[in-house]
Amino acid sequence: MATIDECRRALDKLSDNLTGADGDVREAAALDRSLSCRITDLDITFVGRLRGGRIEVTDTVQGPPPERAQIRLTMAGDDLVSLVDGELNFAKAWGSGRVRLEAGLRDLFRLRKLL
């Protein structure tokens, strides 16, 4: 089972990957939205913003997020680490229910470019 520190490093790595992306991926990540990433097996939520192509984690809270973020991810810690390391395909994980992504319809259309 991934630790809180490993999950935080995975989010930092994902942020770095988004910052270094080009074209459609960079455009899709250029949103300014509140973001939460709930790690179910650790019962924690990373709370922050997706802004200018970076994920800015501002807090880590026990349990579910205190407020509903505009973009919400939910998954196990090992799945987050595997996704960021390229070992787990996001579209397949999302389709099978291992990863949940919730957002407004316009944001979902934009975020699909990241898949």
PDB file of N, CA and C in Angstrom:
ATOM      1  N   MET A   1       0.845  -1.169   0.000  1.00  0.00           N
ATOM      2  CA  MET A   1       0.000   0.000   0.000  1.00  0.00           C
ATOM      3  C   MET A   1       0.899   1.243   0.000  1.00  0.00           C
ATOM      4  N   ALA A   2       0.589   2.180  -0.890  1.00  0.00           N
ATOM      5  CA  ALA A   2       1.360   3.415  -0.993  1.00  0.00           C
ATOM      6  C   ALA A   2       1.151   4.260   0.266  1.00  0.00           C
ATOM      7  N   THR A   3       2.193   4.989   0.647  1.00  0.00           N
ATOM      8  CA  THR A   3       2.118   5.866   1.813  1.00  0.00           C
ATOM      9  C   THR A   3       1.631   7.258   1.398  1.00  0.00           C
ATOM     10  N   ILE A   4       1.330   8.080   2.387  1.00  0.00           N
ATOM     11  CA  ILE A   4       0.925   9.459   2.109  1.00  0.00           C
ATOM     12  C   ILE A   4       2.048  10.186   1.373  1.00  0.00           C
ATOM     13  N   ASP A   5       3.292   9.981   1.805  1.00  0.00           N
ATOM     14  CA  ASP A   5       4.423  10.645   1.156  1.00  0.00           C
ATOM     15  C   ASP A   5       4.586  10.198  -0.295  1.00  0.00           C
ATOM     16  N   GLU A   6       4.397   8.908  -0.557  1.00  0.00           N
ATOM     17  CA  GLU A   6       4.497   8.408  -1.932  1.00  0.00           C
ATOM     18  C   GLU A   6       3.391   9.010  -2.799  1.00  0.00           C
ATOM     19  N   CYS A   7       2.190   9.141  -2.252  1.00  0.00           N
ATOM     20  CA  CYS A   7       1.086   9.749  -3.010  1.00  0.00           C
ATOM     21  C   CYS A   7       1.373  11.219  -3.282  1.00  0.00           C
ATOM     22  N   ARG A   8       1.897  11.911  -2.297  1.00  0.00           N
ATOM     23  CA  ARG A   8       2.229  13.333  -2.479  1.00  0.00           C
ATOM     24  C   ARG A   8       3.305  13.492  -3.548  1.00  0.00           C
ATOM     25  N   ARG A   9       4.321  12.633  -3.516  1.00  0.00           N
ATOM     26  CA  ARG A   9       5.373  12.686  -4.549  1.00  0.00           C
ATOM     27  C   ARG A   9       4.789  12.385  -5.930  1.00  0.00           C
ATOM     28  N   ALA A  10       3.829  11.455  -5.988  1.00  0.00           N
ATOM     29  CA  ALA A  10       3.189  11.136  -7.266  1.00  0.00           C
ATOM     30  C   ALA A  10       2.435  12.352  -7.803  1.00  0.00           C
ATOM     31  N   LEU A  11       1.729  13.072  -6.943  1.00  0.00           N
ATOM     32  CA  LEU A  11       1.029  14.289  -7.386  1.00  0.00           C
ATOM     33  C   LEU A  11       2.013  15.353  -7.840  1.00  0.00           C
ATOM     34  N   ASP A  12       3.144  15.478  -7.144  1.00  0.00           N
ATOM     35  CA  ASP A  12       4.182  16.431  -7.564  1.00  0.00           C
ATOM     36  C   ASP A  12       4.748  16.053  -8.926  1.00  0.00           C
ATOM     37  N   LYS A  13       4.967  14.756  -9.127  1.00  0.00           N
ATOM     38  CA  LYS A  13       5.487  14.276 -10.415  1.00  0.00           C
ATOM     39  C   LYS A  13       4.466  14.514 -11.522  1.00  0.00           C
ATOM     40  N   LEU A  14       3.193  14.264 -11.244  1.00  0.00           N
ATOM     41  CA  LEU A  14       2.135  14.534 -12.219  1.00  0.00           C
ATOM     42  C   LEU A  14       2.116  16.015 -12.573  1.00  0.00           C
ATOM     43  N   SER A  15       2.249  16.862 -11.574  1.00  0.00           N
ATOM     44  CA  SER A  15       2.288  18.301 -11.809  1.00  0.00           C
ATOM     45  C   SER A  15       3.462  18.667 -12.716  1.00  0.00           C
ATOM     46  N   ASP A  16       4.625  18.103 -12.445  1.00  0.00           N
ATOM     47  CA  ASP A  16       5.803  18.360 -13.285  1.00  0.00           C
ATOM     48  C   ASP A  16       5.572  17.884 -14.717  1.00  0.00           C
ATOM     49  N   ASN A  17       4.940  16.721 -14.863  1.00  0.00           N
ATOM     50  CA  ASN A  17       4.639  16.188 -16.195  1.00  0.00           C
ATOM     51  C   ASN A  17       3.701  17.117 -16.960  1.00  0.00           C
ATOM     52  N   LEU A  18       2.678  17.637 -16.280  1.00  0.00           N
ATOM     53  CA  LEU A  18       1.733  18.549 -16.925  1.00  0.00           C
ATOM     54  C   LEU A  18       2.418  19.848 -17.329  1.00  0.00           C
ATOM     55  N   THR A  19       3.302  20.343 -16.486  1.00  0.00           N
ATOM     56  CA  THR A  19       4.011  21.586 -16.772  1.00  0.00           C
ATOM     57  C   THR A  19       4.898  21.438 -18.005  1.00  0.00           C
ATOM     58  N   GLY A  20       5.493  20.279 -18.163  1.00  0.00           N
ATOM     59  CA  GLY A  20       6.395  20.051 -19.291  1.00  0.00           C
ATOM     60  C   GLY A  20       5.712  19.579 -20.557  1.00  0.00           C
ATOM     61  N   ALA A  21       4.407  19.429 -20.534  1.00  0.00           N
ATOM     62  CA  ALA A  21       3.674  18.901 -21.697  1.00  0.00           C
ATOM     63  C   ALA A  21       3.555  19.962 -22.796  1.00  0.00           C
ATOM     64  N   ASP A  22       3.280  19.481 -23.998  1.00  0.00           N
ATOM     65  CA  ASP A  22       3.104  20.354 -25.154  1.00  0.00           C
ATOM     66  C   ASP A  22       1.712  20.165 -25.756  1.00  0.00           C
ATOM     67  N   GLY A  23       1.334  21.074 -26.632  1.00  0.00           N
ATOM     68  CA  GLY A  23       0.136  20.936 -27.449  1.00  0.00           C
ATOM     69  C   GLY A  23      -1.151  20.808 -26.681  1.00  0.00           C
ATOM     70  N   ASP A  24      -1.963  19.802 -27.093  1.00  0.00           N
ATOM     71  CA  ASP A  24      -3.286  19.592 -26.512  1.00  0.00           C
ATOM     72  C   ASP A  24      -3.243  19.296 -25.019  1.00  0.00           C
ATOM     73  N   VAL A  25      -2.228  18.558 -24.593  1.00  0.00           N
ATOM     74  CA  VAL A  25      -2.127  18.212 -23.176  1.00  0.00           C
ATOM     75  C   VAL A  25      -1.876  19.474 -22.354  1.00  0.00           C
ATOM     76  N   ARG A  26      -0.978  20.304 -22.814  1.00  0.00           N
ATOM     77  CA  ARG A  26      -0.694  21.556 -22.097  1.00  0.00           C
ATOM     78  C   ARG A  26      -1.938  22.443 -22.051  1.00  0.00           C
ATOM     79  N   GLU A  27      -2.649  22.513 -23.169  1.00  0.00           N
ATOM     80  CA  GLU A  27      -3.875  23.315 -23.233  1.00  0.00           C
ATOM     81  C   GLU A  27      -4.939  22.779 -22.272  1.00  0.00           C
ATOM     82  N   ALA A  28      -5.088  21.464 -22.216  1.00  0.00           N
ATOM     83  CA  ALA A  28      -6.091  20.855 -21.343  1.00  0.00           C
ATOM     84  C   ALA A  28      -5.772  21.099 -19.871  1.00  0.00           C
ATOM     85  N   ALA A  29      -4.489  21.120 -19.543  1.00  0.00           N
ATOM     86  CA  ALA A  29      -4.085  21.299 -18.151  1.00  0.00           C
ATOM     87  C   ALA A  29      -4.047  22.763 -17.729  1.00  0.00           C
ATOM     88  N   ALA A  30      -4.306  23.666 -18.638  1.00  0.00           N
ATOM     89  CA  ALA A  30      -4.214  25.100 -18.349  1.00  0.00           C
ATOM     90  C   ALA A  30      -5.467  25.657 -17.683  1.00  0.00           C
ATOM     91  N   LEU A  31      -6.272  24.810 -17.112  1.00  0.00           N
ATOM     92  CA  LEU A  31      -7.474  25.244 -16.400  1.00  0.00           C
ATOM     93  C   LEU A  31      -7.102  25.918 -15.083  1.00  0.00           C
ATOM     94  N   ASP A  32      -8.022  26.664 -14.530  1.00  0.00           N
ATOM     95  CA  ASP A  32      -7.892  27.182 -13.171  1.00  0.00           C
ATOM     96  C   ASP A  32      -9.117  26.684 -12.411  1.00  0.00           C
ATOM     97  N   ARG A  33      -8.949  25.551 -11.718  1.00  0.00           N
ATOM     98  CA  ARG A  33     -10.063  24.899 -11.039  1.00  0.00           C
ATOM     99  C   ARG A  33      -9.615  24.367  -9.678  1.00  0.00           C
ATOM    100  N   SER A  34     -10.546  24.339  -8.739  1.00  0.00           N
ATOM    101  CA  SER A  34     -10.261  23.665  -7.472  1.00  0.00           C
ATOM    102  C   SER A  34     -10.171  22.163  -7.758  1.00  0.00           C
ATOM    103  N   LEU A  35      -9.362  21.475  -6.967  1.00  0.00           N
ATOM    104  CA  LEU A  35      -9.058  20.069  -7.228  1.00  0.00           C
ATOM    105  C   LEU A  35      -8.963  19.317  -5.909  1.00  0.00           C
ATOM    106  N   SER A  36      -9.508  18.109  -5.893  1.00  0.00           N
ATOM    107  CA  SER A  36      -9.291  17.222  -4.759  1.00  0.00           C
ATOM    108  C   SER A  36      -8.919  15.846  -5.291  1.00  0.00           C
ATOM    109  N   CYS A  37      -8.058  15.183  -4.559  1.00  0.00           N
ATOM    110  CA  CYS A  37      -7.642  13.824  -4.899  1.00  0.00           C
ATOM    111  C   CYS A  37      -7.792  12.980  -3.643  1.00  0.00           C
ATOM    112  N   ARG A  38      -8.852  12.199  -3.611  1.00  0.00           N
ATOM    113  CA  ARG A  38      -9.164  11.361  -2.450  1.00  0.00           C
ATOM    114  C   ARG A  38      -8.488  10.014  -2.598  1.00  0.00           C
ATOM    115  N   ILE A  39      -7.702   9.648  -1.588  1.00  0.00           N
ATOM    116  CA  ILE A  39      -7.010   8.361  -1.575  1.00  0.00           C
ATOM    117  C   ILE A  39      -7.774   7.459  -0.596  1.00  0.00           C
ATOM    118  N   THR A  40      -8.533   6.548  -1.160  1.00  0.00           N
ATOM    119  CA  THR A  40      -9.505   5.784  -0.376  1.00  0.00           C
ATOM    120  C   THR A  40      -8.873   4.872   0.668  1.00  0.00           C
ATOM    121  N   ASP A  41      -7.799   4.185   0.326  1.00  0.00           N
ATOM    122  CA  ASP A  41      -7.228   3.224   1.267  1.00  0.00           C
ATOM    123  C   ASP A  41      -6.482   3.908   2.416  1.00  0.00           C
ATOM    124  N   LEU A  42      -6.097   5.163   2.252  1.00  0.00           N
ATOM    125  CA  LEU A  42      -5.445   5.912   3.325  1.00  0.00           C
ATOM    126  C   LEU A  42      -6.422   6.833   4.054  1.00  0.00           C
ATOM    127  N   ASP A  43      -7.630   6.956   3.523  1.00  0.00           N
ATOM    128  CA  ASP A  43      -8.659   7.824   4.069  1.00  0.00           C
ATOM    129  C   ASP A  43      -8.167   9.269   4.223  1.00  0.00           C
ATOM    130  N   ILE A  44      -7.518   9.757   3.151  1.00  0.00           N
ATOM    131  CA  ILE A  44      -7.066  11.149   3.126  1.00  0.00           C
ATOM    132  C   ILE A  44      -7.471  11.787   1.801  1.00  0.00           C
ATOM    133  N   THR A  45      -7.459  13.102   1.785  1.00  0.00           N
ATOM    134  CA  THR A  45      -7.723  13.854   0.560  1.00  0.00           C
ATOM    135  C   THR A  45      -6.699  14.964   0.428  1.00  0.00           C
ATOM    136  N   PHE A  46      -6.079  15.027  -0.742  1.00  0.00           N
ATOM    137  CA  PHE A  46      -5.217  16.151  -1.081  1.00  0.00           C
ATOM    138  C   PHE A  46      -6.116  17.210  -1.710  1.00  0.00           C
ATOM    139  N   VAL A  47      -6.024  18.426  -1.213  1.00  0.00           N
ATOM    140  CA  VAL A  47      -6.879  19.520  -1.661  1.00  0.00           C
ATOM    141  C   VAL A  47      -5.989  20.608  -2.250  1.00  0.00           C
ATOM    142  N   GLY A  48      -6.423  21.187  -3.361  1.00  0.00           N
ATOM    143  CA  GLY A  48      -5.641  22.261  -3.967  1.00  0.00           C
ATOM    144  C   GLY A  48      -6.291  22.812  -5.215  1.00  0.00           C
ATOM    145  N   ARG A  49      -5.449  23.227  -6.161  1.00  0.00           N
ATOM    146  CA  ARG A  49      -5.920  23.811  -7.419  1.00  0.00           C
ATOM    147  C   ARG A  49      -5.102  23.269  -8.581  1.00  0.00           C
ATOM    148  N   LEU A  50      -5.765  23.181  -9.707  1.00  0.00           N
ATOM    149  CA  LEU A  50      -5.094  22.991 -10.985  1.00  0.00           C
ATOM    150  C   LEU A  50      -5.053  24.384 -11.583  1.00  0.00           C
ATOM    151  N   ARG A  51      -3.862  24.936 -11.717  1.00  0.00           N
ATOM    152  CA  ARG A  51      -3.734  26.324 -12.169  1.00  0.00           C
ATOM    153  C   ARG A  51      -2.503  26.449 -13.061  1.00  0.00           C
ATOM    154  N   GLY A  52      -2.710  26.967 -14.243  1.00  0.00           N
ATOM    155  CA  GLY A  52      -1.587  27.205 -15.147  1.00  0.00           C
ATOM    156  C   GLY A  52      -0.800  25.959 -15.480  1.00  0.00           C
ATOM    157  N   GLY A  53      -1.479  24.822 -15.534  1.00  0.00           N
ATOM    158  CA  GLY A  53      -0.796  23.577 -15.887  1.00  0.00           C
ATOM    159  C   GLY A  53      -0.073  22.918 -14.730  1.00  0.00           C
ATOM    160  N   ARG A  54      -0.277  23.403 -13.522  1.00  0.00           N
ATOM    161  CA  ARG A  54       0.344  22.814 -12.331  1.00  0.00           C
ATOM    162  C   ARG A  54      -0.718  22.409 -11.322  1.00  0.00           C
ATOM    163  N   ILE A  55      -0.427  21.362 -10.580  1.00  0.00           N
ATOM    164  CA  ILE A  55      -1.263  20.964  -9.456  1.00  0.00           C
ATOM    165  C   ILE A  55      -0.618  21.563  -8.210  1.00  0.00           C
ATOM    166  N   GLU A  56      -1.367  22.429  -7.546  1.00  0.00           N
ATOM    167  CA  GLU A  56      -0.889  23.060  -6.324  1.00  0.00           C
ATOM    168  C   GLU A  56      -1.644  22.458  -5.146  1.00  0.00           C
ATOM    169  N   VAL A  57      -1.004  21.575  -4.391  1.00  0.00           N
ATOM    170  CA  VAL A  57      -1.630  20.972  -3.217  1.00  0.00           C
ATOM    171  C   VAL A  57      -1.475  21.951  -2.059  1.00  0.00           C
ATOM    172  N   THR A  58      -2.604  22.374  -1.491  1.00  0.00           N
ATOM    173  CA  THR A  58      -2.579  23.345  -0.399  1.00  0.00           C
ATOM    174  C   THR A  58      -2.825  22.717   0.963  1.00  0.00           C
ATOM    175  N   ASP A  59      -3.405  21.512   0.978  1.00  0.00           N
ATOM    176  CA  ASP A  59      -3.713  20.885   2.256  1.00  0.00           C
ATOM    177  C   ASP A  59      -3.915  19.387   2.056  1.00  0.00           C
ATOM    178  N   THR A  60      -3.719  18.649   3.128  1.00  0.00           N
ATOM    179  CA  THR A  60      -4.034  17.228   3.180  1.00  0.00           C
ATOM    180  C   THR A  60      -4.960  17.051   4.370  1.00  0.00           C
ATOM    181  N   VAL A  61      -6.146  16.522   4.115  1.00  0.00           N
ATOM    182  CA  VAL A  61      -7.134  16.384   5.181  1.00  0.00           C
ATOM    183  C   VAL A  61      -7.502  14.919   5.377  1.00  0.00           C
ATOM    184  N   GLN A  62      -7.850  14.599   6.603  1.00  0.00           N
ATOM    185  CA  GLN A  62      -8.320  13.247   6.916  1.00  0.00           C
ATOM    186  C   GLN A  62      -9.742  13.094   6.393  1.00  0.00           C
ATOM    187  N   GLY A  63     -10.026  11.964   5.771  1.00  0.00           N
ATOM    188  CA  GLY A  63     -11.373  11.682   5.288  1.00  0.00           C
ATOM    189  C   GLY A  63     -11.691  12.394   3.988  1.00  0.00           C
ATOM    190  N   PRO A  64     -12.985  12.546   3.707  1.00  0.00           N
ATOM    191  CA  PRO A  64     -13.403  13.193   2.462  1.00  0.00           C
ATOM    192  C   PRO A  64     -13.088  14.687   2.491  1.00  0.00           C
ATOM    193  N   PRO A  65     -13.071  15.314   1.314  1.00  0.00           N
ATOM    194  CA  PRO A  65     -12.749  16.740   1.260  1.00  0.00           C
ATOM    195  C   PRO A  65     -13.805  17.577   1.976  1.00  0.00           C
ATOM    196  N   PRO A  66     -13.381  18.668   2.604  1.00  0.00           N
ATOM    197  CA  PRO A  66     -14.338  19.500   3.326  1.00  0.00           C
ATOM    198  C   PRO A  66     -15.301  20.245   2.405  1.00  0.00           C
ATOM    199  N   GLU A  67     -14.870  20.532   1.193  1.00  0.00           N
ATOM    200  CA  GLU A  67     -15.718  21.207   0.200  1.00  0.00           C
ATOM    201  C   GLU A  67     -15.625  20.448  -1.114  1.00  0.00           C
ATOM    202  N   ARG A  68     -16.652  20.585  -1.913  1.00  0.00           N
ATOM    203  CA  ARG A  68     -16.680  19.912  -3.212  1.00  0.00           C
ATOM    204  C   ARG A  68     -15.831  20.700  -4.214  1.00  0.00           C
ATOM    205  N   ALA A  69     -14.773  20.066  -4.685  1.00  0.00           N
ATOM    206  CA  ALA A  69     -13.890  20.689  -5.668  1.00  0.00           C
ATOM    207  C   ALA A  69     -14.509  20.608  -7.059  1.00  0.00           C
ATOM    208  N   GLN A  70     -14.063  21.474  -7.947  1.00  0.00           N
ATOM    209  CA  GLN A  70     -14.575  21.465  -9.320  1.00  0.00           C
ATOM    210  C   GLN A  70     -14.100  20.238 -10.090  1.00  0.00           C
ATOM    211  N   ILE A  71     -12.907  19.746  -9.763  1.00  0.00           N
ATOM    212  CA  ILE A  71     -12.375  18.510 -10.344  1.00  0.00           C
ATOM    213  C   ILE A  71     -12.050  17.588  -9.184  1.00  0.00           C
ATOM    214  N   ARG A  72     -12.637  16.373  -9.218  1.00  0.00           N
ATOM    215  CA  ARG A  72     -12.494  15.439  -8.109  1.00  0.00           C
ATOM    216  C   ARG A  72     -11.985  14.093  -8.612  1.00  0.00           C
ATOM    217  N   LEU A  73     -10.881  13.652  -8.048  1.00  0.00           N
ATOM    218  CA  LEU A  73     -10.315  12.336  -8.340  1.00  0.00           C
ATOM    219  C   LEU A  73     -10.445  11.471  -7.099  1.00  0.00           C
ATOM    220  N   THR A  74     -10.747  10.198  -7.294  1.00  0.00           N
ATOM    221  CA  THR A  74     -10.833   9.240  -6.197  1.00  0.00           C
ATOM    222  C   THR A  74     -10.204   7.934  -6.659  1.00  0.00           C
ATOM    223  N   MET A  75      -9.290   7.408  -5.826  1.00  0.00           N
ATOM    224  CA  MET A  75      -8.607   6.150  -6.172  1.00  0.00           C
ATOM    225  C   MET A  75      -7.807   5.663  -4.973  1.00  0.00           C
ATOM    226  N   ALA A  76      -7.279   4.466  -5.083  1.00  0.00           N
ATOM    227  CA  ALA A  76      -6.362   3.935  -4.078  1.00  0.00           C
ATOM    228  C   ALA A  76      -4.977   4.535  -4.302  1.00  0.00           C
ATOM    229  N   GLY A  77      -4.183   4.578  -3.252  1.00  0.00           N
ATOM    230  CA  GLY A  77      -2.846   5.149  -3.344  1.00  0.00           C
ATOM    231  C   GLY A  77      -1.964   4.431  -4.354  1.00  0.00           C
ATOM    232  N   ASP A  78      -2.007   3.106  -4.367  1.00  0.00           N
ATOM    233  CA  ASP A  78      -1.199   2.346  -5.330  1.00  0.00           C
ATOM    234  C   ASP A  78      -1.591   2.676  -6.764  1.00  0.00           C
ATOM    235  N   ASP A  79      -2.872   2.919  -7.004  1.00  0.00           N
ATOM    236  CA  ASP A  79      -3.322   3.267  -8.354  1.00  0.00           C
ATOM    237  C   ASP A  79      -2.803   4.646  -8.765  1.00  0.00           C
ATOM    238  N   LEU A  80      -2.777   5.596  -7.837  1.00  0.00           N
ATOM    239  CA  LEU A  80      -2.218   6.917  -8.150  1.00  0.00           C
ATOM    240  C   LEU A  80      -0.754   6.802  -8.540  1.00  0.00           C
ATOM    241  N   VAL A  81       0.010   6.085  -7.749  1.00  0.00           N
ATOM    242  CA  VAL A  81       1.433   5.910  -8.037  1.00  0.00           C
ATOM    243  C   VAL A  81       1.623   5.196  -9.381  1.00  0.00           C
ATOM    244  N   SER A  82       0.842   4.154  -9.637  1.00  0.00           N
ATOM    245  CA  SER A  82       0.947   3.403 -10.898  1.00  0.00           C
ATOM    246  C   SER A  82       0.552   4.254 -12.103  1.00  0.00           C
ATOM    247  N   LEU A  83      -0.476   5.080 -11.947  1.00  0.00           N
ATOM    248  CA  LEU A  83      -0.890   5.974 -13.038  1.00  0.00           C
ATOM    249  C   LEU A  83       0.227   6.928 -13.407  1.00  0.00           C
ATOM    250  N   VAL A  84       0.796   7.569 -12.408  1.00  0.00           N
ATOM    251  CA  VAL A  84       1.836   8.567 -12.658  1.00  0.00           C
ATOM    252  C   VAL A  84       3.104   7.922 -13.207  1.00  0.00           C
ATOM    253  N   ASP A  85       3.402   6.708 -12.768  1.00  0.00           N
ATOM    254  CA  ASP A  85       4.586   5.998 -13.263  1.00  0.00           C
ATOM    255  C   ASP A  85       4.368   5.363 -14.635  1.00  0.00           C
ATOM    256  N   GLY A  86       3.151   5.470 -15.183  1.00  0.00           N
ATOM    257  CA  GLY A  86       2.868   4.931 -16.507  1.00  0.00           C
ATOM    258  C   GLY A  86       2.581   3.444 -16.522  1.00  0.00           C
ATOM    259  N   GLU A  87       2.377   2.852 -15.355  1.00  0.00           N
ATOM    260  CA  GLU A  87       2.113   1.420 -15.268  1.00  0.00           C
ATOM    261  C   GLU A  87       0.625   1.086 -15.357  1.00  0.00           C
ATOM    262  N   LEU A  88      -0.234   2.084 -15.193  1.00  0.00           N
ATOM    263  CA  LEU A  88      -1.682   1.889 -15.236  1.00  0.00           C
ATOM    264  C   LEU A  88      -2.267   2.892 -16.209  1.00  0.00           C
ATOM    265  N   ASN A  89      -3.032   2.408 -17.162  1.00  0.00           N
ATOM    266  CA  ASN A  89      -3.668   3.262 -18.160  1.00  0.00           C
ATOM    267  C   ASN A  89      -4.885   3.941 -17.550  1.00  0.00           C
ATOM    268  N   PHE A  90      -4.916   5.283 -17.616  1.00  0.00           N
ATOM    269  CA  PHE A  90      -5.991   6.033 -16.987  1.00  0.00           C
ATOM    270  C   PHE A  90      -7.353   5.663 -17.564  1.00  0.00           C
ATOM    271  N   ALA A  91      -7.468   5.612 -18.873  1.00  0.00           N
ATOM    272  CA  ALA A  91      -8.763   5.334 -19.497  1.00  0.00           C
ATOM    273  C   ALA A  91      -9.302   3.968 -19.065  1.00  0.00           C
ATOM    274  N   LYS A  92      -8.445   2.963 -19.025  1.00  0.00           N
ATOM    275  CA  LYS A  92      -8.879   1.626 -18.596  1.00  0.00           C
ATOM    276  C   LYS A  92      -9.240   1.623 -17.116  1.00  0.00           C
ATOM    277  N   ALA A  93      -8.441   2.308 -16.290  1.00  0.00           N
ATOM    278  CA  ALA A  93      -8.719   2.366 -14.859  1.00  0.00           C
ATOM    279  C   ALA A  93     -10.021   3.116 -14.589  1.00  0.00           C
ATOM    280  N   TRP A  94     -10.263   4.163 -15.344  1.00  0.00           N
ATOM    281  CA  TRP A  94     -11.493   4.946 -15.205  1.00  0.00           C
ATOM    282  C   TRP A  94     -12.689   4.104 -15.648  1.00  0.00           C
ATOM    283  N   GLY A  95     -12.544   3.438 -16.787  1.00  0.00           N
ATOM    284  CA  GLY A  95     -13.619   2.606 -17.318  1.00  0.00           C
ATOM    285  C   GLY A  95     -13.981   1.438 -16.414  1.00  0.00           C
ATOM    286  N   SER A  96     -12.998   0.910 -15.693  1.00  0.00           N
ATOM    287  CA  SER A  96     -13.250  -0.229 -14.808  1.00  0.00           C
ATOM    288  C   SER A  96     -13.683   0.202 -13.404  1.00  0.00           C
ATOM    289  N   GLY A  97     -13.648   1.504 -13.125  1.00  0.00           N
ATOM    290  CA  GLY A  97     -14.067   1.998 -11.819  1.00  0.00           C
ATOM    291  C   GLY A  97     -12.965   2.075 -10.777  1.00  0.00           C
ATOM    292  N   ARG A  98     -11.743   1.731 -11.156  1.00  0.00           N
ATOM    293  CA  ARG A  98     -10.630   1.839 -10.197  1.00  0.00           C
ATOM    294  C   ARG A  98     -10.307   3.292  -9.897  1.00  0.00           C
ATOM    295  N   VAL A  99     -10.554   4.146 -10.864  1.00  0.00           N
ATOM    296  CA  VAL A  99     -10.307   5.583 -10.713  1.00  0.00           C
ATOM    297  C   VAL A  99     -11.593   6.309 -11.047  1.00  0.00           C
ATOM    298  N   ARG A 100     -11.966   7.265 -10.197  1.00  0.00           N
ATOM    299  CA  ARG A 100     -13.143   8.099 -10.476  1.00  0.00           C
ATOM    300  C   ARG A 100     -12.673   9.514 -10.753  1.00  0.00           C
ATOM    301  N   LEU A 101     -13.211  10.085 -11.813  1.00  0.00           N
ATOM    302  CA  LEU A 101     -12.971  11.477 -12.160  1.00  0.00           C
ATOM    303  C   LEU A 101     -14.327  12.130 -12.298  1.00  0.00           C
ATOM    304  N   GLU A 102     -14.551  13.168 -11.501  1.00  0.00           N
ATOM    305  CA  GLU A 102     -15.806  13.900 -11.551  1.00  0.00           C
ATOM    306  C   GLU A 102     -15.492  15.363 -11.787  1.00  0.00           C
ATOM    307  N   ALA A 103     -16.217  15.957 -12.705  1.00  0.00           N
ATOM    308  CA  ALA A 103     -16.051  17.373 -13.027  1.00  0.00           C
ATOM    309  C   ALA A 103     -17.248  17.798 -13.859  1.00  0.00           C
ATOM    310  N   GLY A 104     -17.349  19.091 -14.084  1.00  0.00           N
ATOM    311  CA  GLY A 104     -18.392  19.588 -14.961  1.00  0.00           C
ATOM    312  C   GLY A 104     -18.174  19.085 -16.381  1.00  0.00           C
ATOM    313  N   LEU A 105     -19.227  19.075 -17.164  1.00  0.00           N
ATOM    314  CA  LEU A 105     -19.164  18.537 -18.523  1.00  0.00           C
ATOM    315  C   LEU A 105     -18.108  19.226 -19.379  1.00  0.00           C
ATOM    316  N   ARG A 106     -18.031  20.535 -19.322  1.00  0.00           N
ATOM    317  CA  ARG A 106     -17.034  21.262 -20.125  1.00  0.00           C
ATOM    318  C   ARG A 106     -15.619  20.889 -19.708  1.00  0.00           C
ATOM    319  N   ASP A 107     -15.401  20.757 -18.405  1.00  0.00           N
ATOM    320  CA  ASP A 107     -14.073  20.363 -17.929  1.00  0.00           C
ATOM    321  C   ASP A 107     -13.743  18.935 -18.332  1.00  0.00           C
ATOM    322  N   LEU A 108     -14.712  18.032 -18.272  1.00  0.00           N
ATOM    323  CA  LEU A 108     -14.469  16.653 -18.692  1.00  0.00           C
ATOM    324  C   LEU A 108     -14.048  16.582 -20.157  1.00  0.00           C
ATOM    325  N   PHE A 109     -14.706  17.356 -21.010  1.00  0.00           N
ATOM    326  CA  PHE A 109     -14.330  17.363 -22.423  1.00  0.00           C
ATOM    327  C   PHE A 109     -12.903  17.871 -22.608  1.00  0.00           C
ATOM    328  N   ARG A 110     -12.547  18.860 -21.830  1.00  0.00           N
ATOM    329  CA  ARG A 110     -11.199  19.407 -21.925  1.00  0.00           C
ATOM    330  C   ARG A 110     -10.168  18.434 -21.348  1.00  0.00           C
ATOM    331  N   LEU A 111     -10.504  17.830 -20.218  1.00  0.00           N
ATOM    332  CA  LEU A 111      -9.570  16.907 -19.556  1.00  0.00           C
ATOM    333  C   LEU A 111      -9.366  15.609 -20.326  1.00  0.00           C
ATOM    334  N   ARG A 112     -10.306  15.248 -21.179  1.00  0.00           N
ATOM    335  CA  ARG A 112     -10.146  13.986 -21.937  1.00  0.00           C
ATOM    336  C   ARG A 112      -8.901  14.020 -22.816  1.00  0.00           C
ATOM    337  N   LYS A 113      -8.413  15.217 -23.140  1.00  0.00           N
ATOM    338  CA  LYS A 113      -7.170  15.329 -23.918  1.00  0.00           C
ATOM    339  C   LYS A 113      -5.961  14.806 -23.134  1.00  0.00           C
ATOM    340  N   LEU A 114      -6.105  14.769 -21.807  1.00  0.00           N
ATOM    341  CA  LEU A 114      -5.024  14.249 -20.984  1.00  0.00           C
ATOM    342  C   LEU A 114      -4.945  12.736 -21.022  1.00  0.00           C
ATOM    343  N   LEU A 115      -6.024  12.102 -21.475  1.00  0.00           N
ATOM    344  CA  LEU A 115      -6.060  10.643 -21.528  1.00  0.00           C
ATOM    345  C   LEU A 115      -5.260  10.140 -22.701  1.00  0.00           C
TER     346      LEU A 115
END
